[in-house]
Protein backbone atom coordinates (compact mmCIF):
# COMPACT_ATOMS: atom_id res chain seq x y z
CA MET A 1 75.21 112.20 114.53
CA ARG A 2 78.50 111.94 112.91
CA SER A 3 80.51 113.83 115.99
CA VAL A 4 78.54 111.16 118.36
CA VAL A 5 80.23 108.58 116.44
CA THR A 6 83.32 109.95 116.59
CA ALA A 7 83.36 110.81 120.21
CA LEU A 8 82.35 106.84 120.68
CA SER A 9 85.30 105.77 118.17
CA THR A 10 88.03 107.84 120.19
CA LEU A 11 86.38 106.47 123.48
CA LEU A 12 86.63 102.95 122.53
CA ARG A 13 90.21 103.44 120.63
CA ARG A 14 91.34 104.78 124.47
CA VAL A 15 89.75 101.60 126.62
CA LEU A 16 90.34 98.53 124.09
CA PRO A 17 93.10 96.68 123.03
CA GLN A 18 93.91 97.13 119.04
CA SER A 19 92.58 93.93 118.13
CA ALA A 20 89.34 94.38 120.01
CA PHE A 21 88.87 98.04 118.70
CA ASP A 22 89.19 96.86 114.72
CA SER A 23 87.11 93.96 115.28
CA ILE A 24 84.01 96.24 116.16
CA ARG A 25 85.17 98.82 113.81
CA PHE A 26 85.08 96.17 111.17
CA ARG A 27 81.89 95.22 112.12
CA TRP A 28 80.26 98.53 112.04
CA LEU A 29 81.77 99.41 108.81
CA ALA A 30 80.28 95.90 107.27
CA MET A 31 76.78 96.91 108.85
CA THR A 32 76.81 100.74 107.79
CA SER A 33 77.99 99.69 104.22
CA TRP A 34 74.41 98.70 103.54
CA PHE A 35 73.37 102.06 103.88
CA ILE A 36 76.37 104.26 102.75
CA LYS A 37 78.02 104.20 99.20
CA ARG A 38 81.64 105.75 98.69
CA PRO A 39 82.87 105.02 95.42
CA PRO A 40 86.52 106.10 94.47
CA GLU A 41 87.19 108.92 92.15
CA VAL A 42 88.72 107.15 88.82
CA ARG A 43 90.39 108.81 85.83
CA SER A 44 91.11 106.45 82.77
CA PHE A 45 94.06 106.53 80.44
CA GLY A 46 94.77 104.70 77.11
CA SER A 47 91.50 103.16 76.83
CA ASP A 48 89.36 103.38 73.73
CA GLY A 49 85.80 103.79 74.27
CA GLU A 50 83.99 102.67 77.55
CA SER A 51 86.20 100.32 79.62
CA ASP A 52 84.88 97.36 81.73
CA LEU A 53 87.82 98.02 83.95
CA VAL A 54 86.69 101.62 84.82
CA THR A 55 83.49 100.40 85.24
CA ARG A 56 84.48 97.66 87.91
CA LEU A 57 86.49 100.05 89.70
CA GLN A 58 84.01 102.55 89.97
CA ALA A 59 81.46 100.04 91.43
CA VAL A 60 83.62 99.70 94.37
CA ASN A 61 82.18 100.78 97.61
CA ALA A 62 85.20 101.69 99.63
CA VAL A 63 83.48 101.63 103.11
CA ALA A 64 82.47 97.80 102.73
CA PRO A 65 85.01 95.80 104.20
CA THR A 66 85.55 92.25 102.43
CA LYS A 67 86.86 88.99 103.56
CA MET A 68 90.09 89.80 101.99
CA CYS A 69 90.35 92.75 104.57
CA ARG A 70 89.99 90.54 107.20
CA VAL A 71 92.62 87.99 105.81
CA MET A 72 95.26 90.98 105.03
CA TYR A 73 94.46 92.47 108.75
CA ASN A 74 95.17 89.13 110.60
CA TYR A 75 98.82 88.85 109.02
CA GLY A 76 99.50 92.05 109.69
CA SER A 77 99.27 93.82 106.13
CA ASP A 78 98.21 97.31 106.13
CA LYS A 79 96.19 97.01 102.87
CA GLY A 80 92.75 96.20 104.99
CA TYR A 81 90.94 98.32 106.43
CA GLY A 82 92.18 101.45 108.35
CA ARG A 83 94.96 103.36 106.97
CA HIS A 84 94.75 101.73 103.72
CA ASN A 85 91.83 100.32 102.26
CA TYR A 86 92.93 98.34 99.16
CA THR A 87 91.53 95.24 99.74
CA VAL A 88 87.72 96.84 98.98
CA VAL A 89 88.99 97.42 95.55
CA TYR A 90 90.89 94.04 94.98
CA SER A 91 88.10 91.83 96.08
CA VAL A 92 86.45 93.00 93.00
CA LEU A 93 89.34 93.65 90.88
CA PHE A 94 90.93 90.18 91.29
CA GLU A 95 87.83 88.02 91.98
CA PRO A 96 87.64 86.14 88.41
CA TYR A 97 91.58 85.29 89.73
CA ARG A 98 90.58 83.41 92.42
CA ASP A 99 90.83 79.60 91.89
CA ARG A 100 93.41 80.10 88.89
CA PRO A 101 96.96 78.80 89.18
CA LEU A 102 98.20 82.41 89.37
CA ARG A 103 101.48 84.17 89.71
CA VAL A 104 101.77 86.92 91.97
CA PHE A 105 104.47 89.26 92.76
CA GLU A 106 104.77 92.14 95.55
CA LEU A 107 107.89 94.75 95.59
CA GLY A 108 107.98 95.74 99.43
CA LEU A 109 107.79 92.90 102.15
CA GLY A 110 107.03 95.30 104.76
CA THR A 111 110.71 95.69 106.74
CA ASN A 112 110.49 96.79 110.12
CA ASN A 113 114.00 97.71 110.14
CA THR A 114 113.60 101.62 110.94
CA GLU A 115 117.03 102.31 109.17
CA VAL A 116 115.39 101.45 105.85
CA ALA A 117 113.13 103.95 103.85
CA SER A 118 109.39 103.44 103.39
CA ASN A 119 109.64 100.90 106.43
CA MET A 120 106.57 99.68 108.60
CA GLY A 121 108.28 100.61 112.21
CA VAL A 122 109.20 97.92 114.57
CA GLN A 123 105.77 96.58 114.82
CA GLY A 124 105.95 95.80 111.17
CA ARG A 125 105.65 92.02 109.98
CA PRO A 126 107.62 91.62 106.87
CA GLY A 127 105.86 89.17 104.47
CA ALA A 128 102.19 89.72 105.62
CA SER A 129 100.94 90.60 102.26
CA LEU A 130 102.31 87.94 100.68
CA ARG A 131 101.15 85.16 103.27
CA GLY A 132 97.50 87.00 102.65
CA TRP A 133 97.96 86.64 99.06
CA ARG A 134 98.72 82.91 99.53
CA ASP A 135 95.70 82.09 101.66
CA LEU A 136 93.61 84.19 99.08
CA PHE A 137 94.76 82.70 95.60
CA PRO A 138 95.02 78.95 96.56
CA LEU A 139 96.35 77.78 93.57
CA ALA A 140 99.16 80.48 93.16
CA GLN A 141 102.79 80.73 93.45
CA VAL A 142 103.47 84.07 95.34
CA PHE A 143 106.95 86.16 95.01
CA GLY A 144 108.17 88.96 96.54
CA ALA A 145 111.08 91.28 96.53
CA ASP A 146 112.65 94.01 99.11
CA ILE A 147 115.78 96.12 99.23
CA ASP A 148 116.35 94.82 102.79
CA ARG A 149 118.19 91.68 102.60
CA GLY A 150 117.84 90.71 106.14
CA ILE A 151 113.89 90.18 105.66
CA LEU A 152 113.90 87.88 102.66
CA PHE A 153 112.56 84.57 102.98
CA GLN A 154 111.15 81.20 101.72
CA GLU A 155 108.04 79.30 102.28
CA ASN A 156 105.52 77.25 101.08
CA ARG A 157 104.06 78.51 97.47
CA ILE A 158 106.28 82.04 98.39
CA LYS A 159 109.87 83.13 97.24
CA THR A 160 111.60 86.64 97.64
CA PHE A 161 114.24 87.90 96.14
CA TYR A 162 116.51 90.92 96.51
CA CYS A 163 115.54 94.51 94.57
CA ASP A 164 116.73 97.96 94.30
CA GLN A 165 113.85 99.54 92.56
CA LEU A 166 115.83 102.75 92.09
CA ASP A 167 118.53 100.65 90.37
CA PRO A 168 117.56 99.62 86.63
CA ALA A 169 120.38 97.18 86.83
CA ALA A 170 119.03 95.55 90.15
CA ILE A 171 115.54 95.28 88.41
CA ARG A 172 116.75 93.71 85.52
CA ALA A 173 118.73 91.06 87.81
CA MET A 174 115.93 90.18 89.88
CA TRP A 175 113.43 89.46 86.76
CA SER A 176 116.53 87.24 85.32
CA GLN A 177 115.97 84.71 88.14
CA PRO A 178 114.80 81.76 87.10
CA ASP A 179 111.89 81.21 89.13
CA LEU A 180 110.70 84.68 87.61
CA GLN A 181 111.16 83.52 83.87
CA ASP A 182 107.40 82.78 83.28
CA GLY A 183 105.71 86.39 83.67
CA MET A 184 103.23 87.37 86.55
CA ASP A 185 99.69 87.61 86.55
CA ILE A 186 99.22 90.17 89.36
CA ILE A 187 102.27 92.67 90.34
CA ILE A 188 101.90 94.92 93.40
CA GLU A 189 104.32 97.65 93.83
CA ASP A 190 104.14 98.70 97.46
CA GLY A 191 107.98 99.29 97.76
CA LEU A 192 109.54 103.02 98.15
CA HIS A 193 106.61 105.30 97.82
CA THR A 194 108.20 108.21 95.88
CA PHE A 195 107.23 109.11 92.10
CA ASP A 196 110.84 108.21 90.78
CA ALA A 197 110.64 104.83 92.56
CA ASN A 198 107.38 103.96 91.14
CA VAL A 199 108.35 105.02 87.90
CA SER A 200 111.59 103.21 87.74
CA PHE A 201 109.78 99.80 88.71
CA LEU A 202 107.21 100.13 86.41
CA GLU A 203 109.13 101.01 83.33
CA GLY A 204 111.37 98.01 84.37
CA SER A 205 108.47 95.74 85.01
CA LEU A 206 105.69 96.04 82.88
CA GLU A 207 106.83 94.17 79.99
CA GLN A 208 106.63 90.82 82.99
CA LEU A 209 103.14 91.35 82.88
CA ARG A 210 100.96 88.47 81.28
CA PRO A 211 98.27 89.47 78.79
CA GLY A 212 95.02 90.29 81.00
CA GLY A 213 97.21 90.85 84.10
CA ILE A 214 97.19 93.39 86.49
CA TYR A 215 99.72 95.69 87.77
CA VAL A 216 99.08 98.25 90.84
CA VAL A 217 101.01 101.05 92.55
CA GLU A 218 100.12 101.66 96.45
CA ASP A 219 100.41 104.73 98.45
CA ILE A 220 100.55 107.28 95.78
CA ALA A 221 100.79 110.63 97.87
CA ARG A 222 98.09 113.55 96.66
CA ASP A 223 101.06 115.82 95.77
CA CYS A 224 102.17 113.23 93.11
CA ILE A 225 98.61 112.97 91.69
CA ASP A 226 99.17 116.04 89.12
CA ARG A 227 102.64 114.44 87.91
CA TRP A 228 100.84 111.01 87.37
CA TYR A 229 98.22 112.19 85.30
CA ASP A 230 100.76 114.09 83.01
CA GLN A 231 103.04 111.25 83.16
CA LEU A 232 99.96 108.85 82.14
CA ALA A 233 98.11 110.98 79.48
CA ASN A 234 101.15 112.41 77.57
CA VAL A 235 103.92 109.79 78.18
CA TYR A 236 102.34 106.49 79.14
CA SER A 237 99.08 106.26 77.02
CA LYS A 238 101.45 106.84 74.17
CA ARG A 239 104.12 104.61 74.83
CA TYR A 240 102.30 101.59 75.88
CA PRO A 241 99.55 101.18 73.50
CA LYS A 242 99.06 97.60 74.74
CA TYR A 243 97.98 98.47 78.30
CA GLU A 244 95.13 100.60 80.03
CA PHE A 245 95.72 102.94 83.21
CA ALA A 246 93.11 103.53 85.81
CA PHE A 247 94.12 106.10 88.44
CA LEU A 248 91.90 105.81 91.81
CA ILE A 249 91.71 108.25 94.61
CA LEU A 250 90.27 106.05 97.27
CA PRO A 251 87.93 107.86 99.97
CA ASN A 252 89.07 106.68 103.71
CA PRO A 253 88.14 108.64 106.77
CA VAL A 254 91.24 108.36 108.66
CA ASN A 255 93.67 109.03 105.47
CA ALA A 256 93.21 111.54 102.77
CA TRP A 257 97.06 111.57 102.05
CA ASP A 258 98.59 108.66 100.33
CA ASN A 259 95.31 106.07 99.78
CA ASN A 260 95.47 106.35 95.91
CA LEU A 261 96.14 103.56 93.35
CA LEU A 262 97.27 103.23 90.03
CA VAL A 263 95.98 100.14 88.39
CA VAL A 264 97.29 98.91 85.09
CA ARG A 265 95.70 96.07 82.73
CA ARG A 266 97.28 94.46 80.07
CA ASN A 267 95.21 93.93 77.18
CA LYS A 268 94.50 89.90 76.25
CA ALA A 269 95.24 90.62 72.31
């Protein structure tokens, strides 16, 4: 049966426009998710006893697309169904935040400049995720940053800034901007996808997270997982006692390489 579905999927992908194929795939996933459950693998660090964060993350069905998946896809973000399916996690993780006057920040605007590392290719849509967050959180102020100054922009409830996440001075300079002084409820790191770059921005930005806030590192490659486990168990769980860390290996039928997340929550107390 699986081989038949795969063959049919391959045929449809060849003969249909991408938008039509994705629409059919979305409906198929939504239908089959009633019968198929594929939770992420979750490993917790820095939590004493049973964690409600881990419980919520373990309840995610990675093959069940949501409204958030559709919104992000429509804007051209890669967070929805496809190579990444982070929105199935975010739909559960951020549900309690939906109607709050949030402050949301994302590093990495999705540059389409192929000279910039971790670019989205010439078909990329800079700012796609920020516009998605604006729609999904109707009372939020949305902020973003990127190393590519050519794609920085400002729109209703969106402001963006320059940042080189490998440069601690640039990170401090960005967070010193007047508009960014009140901290963030949600921080998404979707910038340069290397271990050193992730660590650099996390260590320079974690204190900007408000109590109860969520920080996420996206697109962690499988060959970095062991380094992250070591960093979380032996460094961060001790250095940052006010934070809980959860690492997710998220199943995805088309991407077994970099569909992994680090989720950090700052304790309210």
